Amino acid sequence: MGLFQEFREFAVRGNVVDLAVGIIIGAAFNGIVKSLVDQVVMPPIGLATGGLDFSELKWVLKPEDPTTEAIEEVAIQYGAFANTVVQFLIVAFVVFLLVKGINNMRRKQAEEPQTVPAAPTPSEALLTEIRDLLKSRG
């Protein structure tokens, strides 16, 4: 088996394709969550805290020196970190809801009665016995 053929079998395997679709949708979902946090969730929180913009909150370790261009400001940007934490919590909650929904569907499917094939009628049992006798003679 050639390397290319082996790679092709690997790449078109169902799980790999499903994983690729999940990654692409996850990347798109990341943009939606970032927009939701930055433009919907954080502005009301900022308004409630007196017009504070969380993305601009920082702890300056070394201020920028306007006389020299070589030294830039050194700061810990904890506001951006807070935005990232909120984004993570939203994504984690949505994934939790998704897994919860899938688990509920699996539970319902497991609770459904499994159909058991009906026992053969007396005529079918007799015909089966006749068939078996004919097979044993021939």
N, C-alpha and C. Protein backbone atom coordinates (compact mmCIF):
# COMPACT_ATOMS: atom_id res chain seq x y z
N MET A 1 0.86 -1.18 0.00
CA MET A 1 0.00 0.00 0.00
C MET A 1 0.90 1.23 0.00
N GLY A 2 0.65 2.12 -0.95
CA GLY A 2 1.47 3.30 -1.06
C GLY A 2 1.14 4.34 0.01
N LEU A 3 2.07 5.23 0.23
CA LEU A 3 1.89 6.27 1.24
C LEU A 3 0.69 7.16 0.91
N PHE A 4 0.55 7.53 -0.36
CA PHE A 4 -0.56 8.39 -0.76
C PHE A 4 -1.91 7.70 -0.54
N GLN A 5 -2.00 6.43 -0.91
CA GLN A 5 -3.25 5.69 -0.74
C GLN A 5 -3.60 5.55 0.75
N GLU A 6 -2.59 5.29 1.57
CA GLU A 6 -2.82 5.18 3.01
C GLU A 6 -3.29 6.50 3.59
N PHE A 7 -2.67 7.61 3.15
CA PHE A 7 -3.09 8.93 3.63
C PHE A 7 -4.52 9.22 3.18
N ARG A 8 -4.86 8.86 1.95
CA ARG A 8 -6.21 9.11 1.45
C ARG A 8 -7.24 8.35 2.27
N GLU A 9 -6.96 7.10 2.61
CA GLU A 9 -7.88 6.32 3.45
C GLU A 9 -8.04 6.96 4.82
N PHE A 10 -6.93 7.47 5.36
CA PHE A 10 -6.99 8.15 6.66
C PHE A 10 -7.80 9.43 6.58
N ALA A 11 -7.59 10.22 5.53
CA ALA A 11 -8.22 11.53 5.41
C ALA A 11 -9.72 11.45 5.16
N VAL A 12 -10.18 10.42 4.50
CA VAL A 12 -11.61 10.33 4.21
C VAL A 12 -12.36 9.46 5.20
N ARG A 13 -11.67 8.99 6.21
CA ARG A 13 -12.33 8.23 7.27
C ARG A 13 -13.33 9.15 7.95
N GLY A 14 -14.47 8.63 8.34
CA GLY A 14 -15.56 9.43 8.90
C GLY A 14 -15.16 10.30 10.06
N ASN A 15 -14.40 9.78 11.01
CA ASN A 15 -14.05 10.56 12.19
C ASN A 15 -13.19 11.76 11.85
N VAL A 16 -12.29 11.62 10.90
CA VAL A 16 -11.41 12.72 10.53
C VAL A 16 -12.21 13.84 9.88
N VAL A 17 -13.14 13.49 9.02
CA VAL A 17 -13.97 14.49 8.36
C VAL A 17 -14.86 15.19 9.40
N ASP A 18 -15.43 14.43 10.32
CA ASP A 18 -16.24 15.03 11.39
C ASP A 18 -15.42 15.98 12.24
N LEU A 19 -14.19 15.59 12.55
CA LEU A 19 -13.31 16.44 13.34
C LEU A 19 -12.99 17.73 12.59
N ALA A 20 -12.73 17.65 11.31
CA ALA A 20 -12.43 18.84 10.52
C ALA A 20 -13.63 19.79 10.50
N VAL A 21 -14.82 19.25 10.31
CA VAL A 21 -16.03 20.09 10.33
C VAL A 21 -16.19 20.74 11.69
N GLY A 22 -15.94 20.00 12.76
CA GLY A 22 -16.05 20.55 14.11
C GLY A 22 -15.07 21.68 14.34
N ILE A 23 -13.85 21.53 13.86
CA ILE A 23 -12.84 22.58 14.04
C ILE A 23 -13.24 23.84 13.27
N ILE A 24 -13.72 23.68 12.05
CA ILE A 24 -14.12 24.84 11.25
C ILE A 24 -15.30 25.57 11.90
N ILE A 25 -16.29 24.82 12.34
CA ILE A 25 -17.45 25.44 12.99
C ILE A 25 -17.02 26.07 14.31
N GLY A 26 -16.12 25.42 15.04
CA GLY A 26 -15.61 25.98 16.29
C GLY A 26 -14.90 27.29 16.09
N ALA A 27 -14.12 27.39 15.02
CA ALA A 27 -13.42 28.65 14.73
C ALA A 27 -14.43 29.76 14.42
N ALA A 28 -15.46 29.44 13.66
CA ALA A 28 -16.49 30.43 13.35
C ALA A 28 -17.26 30.81 14.62
N PHE A 29 -17.52 29.84 15.48
CA PHE A 29 -18.23 30.09 16.74
C PHE A 29 -17.40 30.99 17.64
N ASN A 30 -16.07 30.85 17.58
CA ASN A 30 -15.19 31.70 18.38
C ASN A 30 -15.39 33.17 18.01
N GLY A 31 -15.51 33.49 16.74
CA GLY A 31 -15.75 34.87 16.31
C GLY A 31 -17.08 35.40 16.84
N ILE A 32 -18.10 34.54 16.82
CA ILE A 32 -19.42 34.95 17.32
C ILE A 32 -19.35 35.23 18.82
N VAL A 33 -18.68 34.36 19.56
CA VAL A 33 -18.58 34.55 21.01
C VAL A 33 -17.77 35.79 21.33
N LYS A 34 -16.69 36.03 20.61
CA LYS A 34 -15.87 37.23 20.84
C LYS A 34 -16.70 38.48 20.61
N SER A 35 -17.47 38.50 19.55
CA SER A 35 -18.34 39.65 19.28
C SER A 35 -19.40 39.79 20.36
N LEU A 36 -19.98 38.69 20.79
CA LEU A 36 -21.00 38.72 21.84
C LEU A 36 -20.43 39.32 23.12
N VAL A 37 -19.25 38.88 23.50
CA VAL A 37 -18.64 39.37 24.75
C VAL A 37 -18.26 40.83 24.61
N ASP A 38 -17.52 41.17 23.54
CA ASP A 38 -16.99 42.53 23.39
C ASP A 38 -18.07 43.56 23.12
N GLN A 39 -19.13 43.19 22.40
CA GLN A 39 -20.10 44.18 21.95
C GLN A 39 -21.46 44.08 22.62
N VAL A 40 -21.73 42.98 23.33
CA VAL A 40 -23.05 42.83 23.95
C VAL A 40 -22.94 42.70 25.47
N VAL A 41 -22.07 41.82 25.95
CA VAL A 41 -22.02 41.53 27.38
C VAL A 41 -21.23 42.60 28.14
N MET A 42 -20.03 42.93 27.66
CA MET A 42 -19.16 43.82 28.42
C MET A 42 -19.63 45.29 28.45
N PRO A 43 -20.24 45.86 27.41
CA PRO A 43 -20.69 47.26 27.54
C PRO A 43 -21.68 47.50 28.68
N PRO A 44 -22.72 46.66 28.88
CA PRO A 44 -23.57 46.91 30.04
C PRO A 44 -22.83 46.75 31.38
N ILE A 45 -21.89 45.79 31.43
CA ILE A 45 -21.11 45.64 32.66
C ILE A 45 -20.26 46.88 32.88
N GLY A 46 -19.67 47.40 31.80
CA GLY A 46 -18.90 48.63 31.91
C GLY A 46 -19.76 49.81 32.33
N LEU A 47 -20.98 49.88 31.80
CA LEU A 47 -21.90 50.95 32.19
C LEU A 47 -22.28 50.83 33.66
N ALA A 48 -22.50 49.60 34.11
CA ALA A 48 -22.86 49.38 35.52
C ALA A 48 -21.71 49.74 36.45
N THR A 49 -20.49 49.66 35.95
CA THR A 49 -19.33 50.00 36.78
C THR A 49 -18.84 51.41 36.52
N GLY A 50 -19.71 52.28 36.02
CA GLY A 50 -19.36 53.69 35.84
C GLY A 50 -18.67 53.99 34.52
N GLY A 51 -19.03 53.30 33.46
CA GLY A 51 -18.46 53.58 32.14
C GLY A 51 -17.08 52.99 31.94
N LEU A 52 -16.73 52.00 32.71
CA LEU A 52 -15.42 51.38 32.65
C LEU A 52 -15.33 50.45 31.45
N ASP A 53 -14.29 50.60 30.63
CA ASP A 53 -14.06 49.70 29.50
C ASP A 53 -13.09 48.62 29.95
N PHE A 54 -13.58 47.40 30.11
CA PHE A 54 -12.76 46.33 30.64
C PHE A 54 -11.56 46.03 29.77
N SER A 55 -11.70 46.15 28.47
CA SER A 55 -10.58 45.81 27.59
C SER A 55 -9.40 46.75 27.76
N GLU A 56 -9.63 47.93 28.35
CA GLU A 56 -8.55 48.90 28.56
C GLU A 56 -7.97 48.86 29.97
N LEU A 57 -8.49 48.01 30.84
CA LEU A 57 -7.97 47.94 32.20
C LEU A 57 -6.59 47.29 32.19
N LYS A 58 -5.65 47.92 32.88
CA LYS A 58 -4.30 47.38 32.92
C LYS A 58 -3.58 47.90 34.15
N TRP A 59 -2.56 47.18 34.54
CA TRP A 59 -1.71 47.57 35.64
C TRP A 59 -0.35 47.89 35.02
N VAL A 60 0.00 49.16 35.03
CA VAL A 60 1.21 49.62 34.35
C VAL A 60 2.42 49.34 35.24
N LEU A 61 3.34 48.56 34.73
CA LEU A 61 4.58 48.25 35.45
C LEU A 61 5.66 49.29 35.14
N LYS A 62 5.69 49.71 33.89
CA LYS A 62 6.66 50.72 33.47
C LYS A 62 5.97 51.61 32.44
N PRO A 63 5.76 52.89 32.77
CA PRO A 63 5.05 53.76 31.83
C PRO A 63 5.89 54.04 30.58
N GLU A 64 5.17 54.42 29.54
CA GLU A 64 5.83 54.75 28.28
C GLU A 64 6.57 56.06 28.44
N ASP A 65 7.77 56.12 27.90
CA ASP A 65 8.58 57.34 27.97
C ASP A 65 8.43 58.09 26.65
N PRO A 66 7.76 59.25 26.67
CA PRO A 66 7.53 59.97 25.41
C PRO A 66 8.80 60.51 24.78
N THR A 67 9.88 60.63 25.55
CA THR A 67 11.11 61.19 24.98
C THR A 67 11.87 60.19 24.13
N THR A 68 11.68 58.90 24.41
CA THR A 68 12.35 57.88 23.61
C THR A 68 11.31 56.96 22.98
N GLU A 69 11.59 56.54 21.77
CA GLU A 69 10.67 55.64 21.08
C GLU A 69 11.00 54.18 21.35
N ALA A 70 12.17 53.91 21.90
CA ALA A 70 12.61 52.54 22.08
C ALA A 70 11.88 51.83 23.21
N ILE A 71 11.50 52.54 24.25
CA ILE A 71 10.87 51.90 25.40
C ILE A 71 9.36 52.11 25.33
N GLU A 72 8.65 51.00 25.20
CA GLU A 72 7.20 51.06 25.19
C GLU A 72 6.69 50.75 26.58
N GLU A 73 5.42 51.01 26.78
CA GLU A 73 4.79 50.74 28.07
C GLU A 73 4.79 49.24 28.37
N VAL A 74 5.08 48.91 29.61
CA VAL A 74 5.02 47.53 30.06
C VAL A 74 3.86 47.46 31.05
N ALA A 75 2.85 46.62 30.73
CA ALA A 75 1.66 46.57 31.57
C ALA A 75 1.05 45.17 31.57
N ILE A 76 0.38 44.86 32.66
CA ILE A 76 -0.41 43.64 32.75
C ILE A 76 -1.83 44.03 32.41
N GLN A 77 -2.35 43.49 31.33
CA GLN A 77 -3.68 43.88 30.84
C GLN A 77 -4.73 42.91 31.38
N TYR A 78 -5.13 43.12 32.61
CA TYR A 78 -6.08 42.21 33.24
C TYR A 78 -7.50 42.42 32.71
N GLY A 79 -7.81 43.55 32.10
CA GLY A 79 -9.13 43.76 31.50
C GLY A 79 -9.34 42.86 30.29
N ALA A 80 -8.32 42.74 29.45
CA ALA A 80 -8.41 41.83 28.30
C ALA A 80 -8.53 40.39 28.77
N PHE A 81 -7.83 40.09 29.87
CA PHE A 81 -7.93 38.74 30.45
C PHE A 81 -9.35 38.48 30.95
N ALA A 82 -9.97 39.49 31.56
CA ALA A 82 -11.36 39.33 32.03
C ALA A 82 -12.29 39.05 30.86
N ASN A 83 -12.09 39.76 29.74
CA ASN A 83 -12.90 39.50 28.54
C ASN A 83 -12.72 38.06 28.06
N THR A 84 -11.48 37.58 28.08
CA THR A 84 -11.20 36.22 27.63
C THR A 84 -11.85 35.20 28.55
N VAL A 85 -11.85 35.47 29.86
CA VAL A 85 -12.50 34.56 30.82
C VAL A 85 -14.00 34.49 30.55
N VAL A 86 -14.63 35.65 30.28
CA VAL A 86 -16.06 35.67 29.98
C VAL A 86 -16.33 34.89 28.70
N GLN A 87 -15.47 35.06 27.69
CA GLN A 87 -15.63 34.30 26.44
C GLN A 87 -15.55 32.80 26.71
N PHE A 88 -14.58 32.40 27.53
CA PHE A 88 -14.43 30.99 27.86
C PHE A 88 -15.67 30.45 28.56
N LEU A 89 -16.20 31.21 29.51
CA LEU A 89 -17.38 30.76 30.24
C LEU A 89 -18.58 30.60 29.30
N ILE A 90 -18.73 31.49 28.34
CA ILE A 90 -19.83 31.37 27.39
C ILE A 90 -19.65 30.12 26.53
N VAL A 91 -18.45 29.91 26.01
CA VAL A 91 -18.19 28.72 25.18
C VAL A 91 -18.40 27.45 26.00
N ALA A 92 -17.89 27.44 27.24
CA ALA A 92 -18.05 26.25 28.09
C ALA A 92 -19.53 25.97 28.36
N PHE A 93 -20.33 27.03 28.57
CA PHE A 93 -21.75 26.84 28.83
C PHE A 93 -22.47 26.29 27.60
N VAL A 94 -22.13 26.81 26.42
CA VAL A 94 -22.76 26.32 25.19
C VAL A 94 -22.38 24.87 24.94
N VAL A 95 -21.12 24.52 25.15
CA VAL A 95 -20.69 23.12 24.96
C VAL A 95 -21.40 22.23 25.97
N PHE A 96 -21.55 22.70 27.22
CA PHE A 96 -22.28 21.95 28.23
C PHE A 96 -23.71 21.68 27.77
N LEU A 97 -24.38 22.72 27.25
CA LEU A 97 -25.76 22.54 26.78
C LEU A 97 -25.81 21.55 25.61
N LEU A 98 -24.83 21.62 24.73
CA LEU A 98 -24.78 20.70 23.58
C LEU A 98 -24.61 19.26 24.06
N VAL A 99 -23.68 19.02 24.96
CA VAL A 99 -23.45 17.67 25.47
C VAL A 99 -24.67 17.18 26.25
N LYS A 100 -25.29 18.07 27.02
CA LYS A 100 -26.49 17.71 27.77
C LYS A 100 -27.60 17.28 26.82
N GLY A 101 -27.78 18.01 25.72
CA GLY A 101 -28.80 17.65 24.74
C GLY A 101 -28.52 16.31 24.09
N ILE A 102 -27.27 16.06 23.76
CA ILE A 102 -26.90 14.78 23.15
C ILE A 102 -27.12 13.64 24.14
N ASN A 103 -26.74 13.85 25.40
CA ASN A 103 -26.96 12.81 26.41
C ASN A 103 -28.44 12.53 26.62
N ASN A 104 -29.29 13.56 26.60
CA ASN A 104 -30.74 13.35 26.72
C ASN A 104 -31.28 12.53 25.56
N MET A 105 -30.81 12.82 24.35
CA MET A 105 -31.25 12.05 23.18
C MET A 105 -30.81 10.60 23.30
N ARG A 106 -29.59 10.36 23.78
CA ARG A 106 -29.10 8.99 23.94
C ARG A 106 -29.91 8.25 25.00
N ARG A 107 -30.25 8.93 26.11
CA ARG A 107 -31.05 8.30 27.16
C ARG A 107 -32.42 7.92 26.63
N LYS A 108 -33.05 8.83 25.88
CA LYS A 108 -34.38 8.53 25.33
C LYS A 108 -34.30 7.36 24.37
N GLN A 109 -33.24 7.32 23.57
CA GLN A 109 -33.09 6.22 22.62
C GLN A 109 -32.88 4.90 23.37
N ALA A 110 -32.15 4.93 24.47
CA ALA A 110 -31.90 3.71 25.25
C ALA A 110 -33.17 3.25 25.95
N GLU A 111 -34.07 4.18 26.31
CA GLU A 111 -35.30 3.83 27.00
C GLU A 111 -36.35 3.23 26.08
N GLU A 112 -36.24 3.49 24.78
CA GLU A 112 -37.23 2.97 23.83
C GLU A 112 -37.18 1.45 23.85
N PRO A 113 -38.35 0.82 23.86
CA PRO A 113 -38.35 -0.65 23.88
C PRO A 113 -37.76 -1.21 22.59
N GLN A 114 -36.91 -2.19 22.76
CA GLN A 114 -36.30 -2.84 21.61
C GLN A 114 -37.29 -3.86 21.06
N THR A 115 -37.45 -3.88 19.76
CA THR A 115 -38.39 -4.82 19.16
C THR A 115 -37.75 -6.21 19.11
N VAL A 116 -38.44 -7.15 19.69
CA VAL A 116 -37.99 -8.54 19.71
C VAL A 116 -38.72 -9.26 18.59
N PRO A 117 -37.98 -9.99 17.76
CA PRO A 117 -38.66 -10.69 16.68
C PRO A 117 -39.68 -11.68 17.26
N ALA A 118 -40.82 -11.74 16.61
CA ALA A 118 -41.90 -12.62 17.07
C ALA A 118 -41.50 -14.08 16.88
N ALA A 119 -42.00 -14.92 17.78
CA ALA A 119 -41.73 -16.35 17.67
C ALA A 119 -42.43 -16.88 16.42
N PRO A 120 -41.84 -17.88 15.79
CA PRO A 120 -42.48 -18.42 14.57
C PRO A 120 -43.84 -19.05 14.91
N THR A 121 -44.74 -18.92 13.98
CA THR A 121 -46.06 -19.53 14.14
C THR A 121 -45.90 -21.05 14.06
N PRO A 122 -46.90 -21.80 14.50
CA PRO A 122 -46.80 -23.27 14.41
C PRO A 122 -46.55 -23.75 12.99
N SER A 123 -47.18 -23.10 12.00
CA SER A 123 -46.96 -23.54 10.61
C SER A 123 -45.53 -23.27 10.17
N GLU A 124 -44.98 -22.11 10.57
CA GLU A 124 -43.59 -21.80 10.21
C GLU A 124 -42.63 -22.78 10.88
N ALA A 125 -42.90 -23.12 12.15
CA ALA A 125 -42.06 -24.08 12.85
C ALA A 125 -42.09 -25.44 12.15
N LEU A 126 -43.28 -25.86 11.71
CA LEU A 126 -43.42 -27.13 11.02
C LEU A 126 -42.68 -27.10 9.69
N LEU A 127 -42.82 -25.99 8.94
CA LEU A 127 -42.11 -25.88 7.66
C LEU A 127 -40.60 -25.87 7.86
N THR A 128 -40.13 -25.25 8.91
CA THR A 128 -38.69 -25.24 9.21
C THR A 128 -38.21 -26.66 9.52
N GLU A 129 -39.00 -27.39 10.27
CA GLU A 129 -38.64 -28.77 10.60
C GLU A 129 -38.60 -29.63 9.35
N ILE A 130 -39.56 -29.46 8.46
CA ILE A 130 -39.59 -30.22 7.20
C ILE A 130 -38.36 -29.87 6.36
N ARG A 131 -38.03 -28.59 6.29
CA ARG A 131 -36.86 -28.15 5.52
C ARG A 131 -35.58 -28.79 6.06
N ASP A 132 -35.45 -28.80 7.38
CA ASP A 132 -34.25 -29.37 7.98
C ASP A 132 -34.16 -30.88 7.71
N LEU A 133 -35.29 -31.59 7.75
CA LEU A 133 -35.30 -33.02 7.46
C LEU A 133 -34.91 -33.29 6.02
N LEU A 134 -35.43 -32.45 5.09
CA LEU A 134 -35.06 -32.63 3.67
C LEU A 134 -33.58 -32.37 3.45
N LYS A 135 -33.02 -31.39 4.16
CA LYS A 135 -31.59 -31.09 4.01
C LYS A 135 -30.74 -32.25 4.52
N SER A 136 -31.17 -32.87 5.61
CA SER A 136 -30.38 -33.95 6.20
C SER A 136 -30.41 -35.21 5.33
N ARG A 137 -31.42 -35.41 4.53
CA ARG A 137 -31.52 -36.59 3.65
C ARG A 137 -30.68 -36.43 2.40
N GLY A 138 -30.57 -35.19 1.91
CA GLY A 138 -29.96 -34.98 0.62
C GLY A 138 -28.55 -34.70 0.69
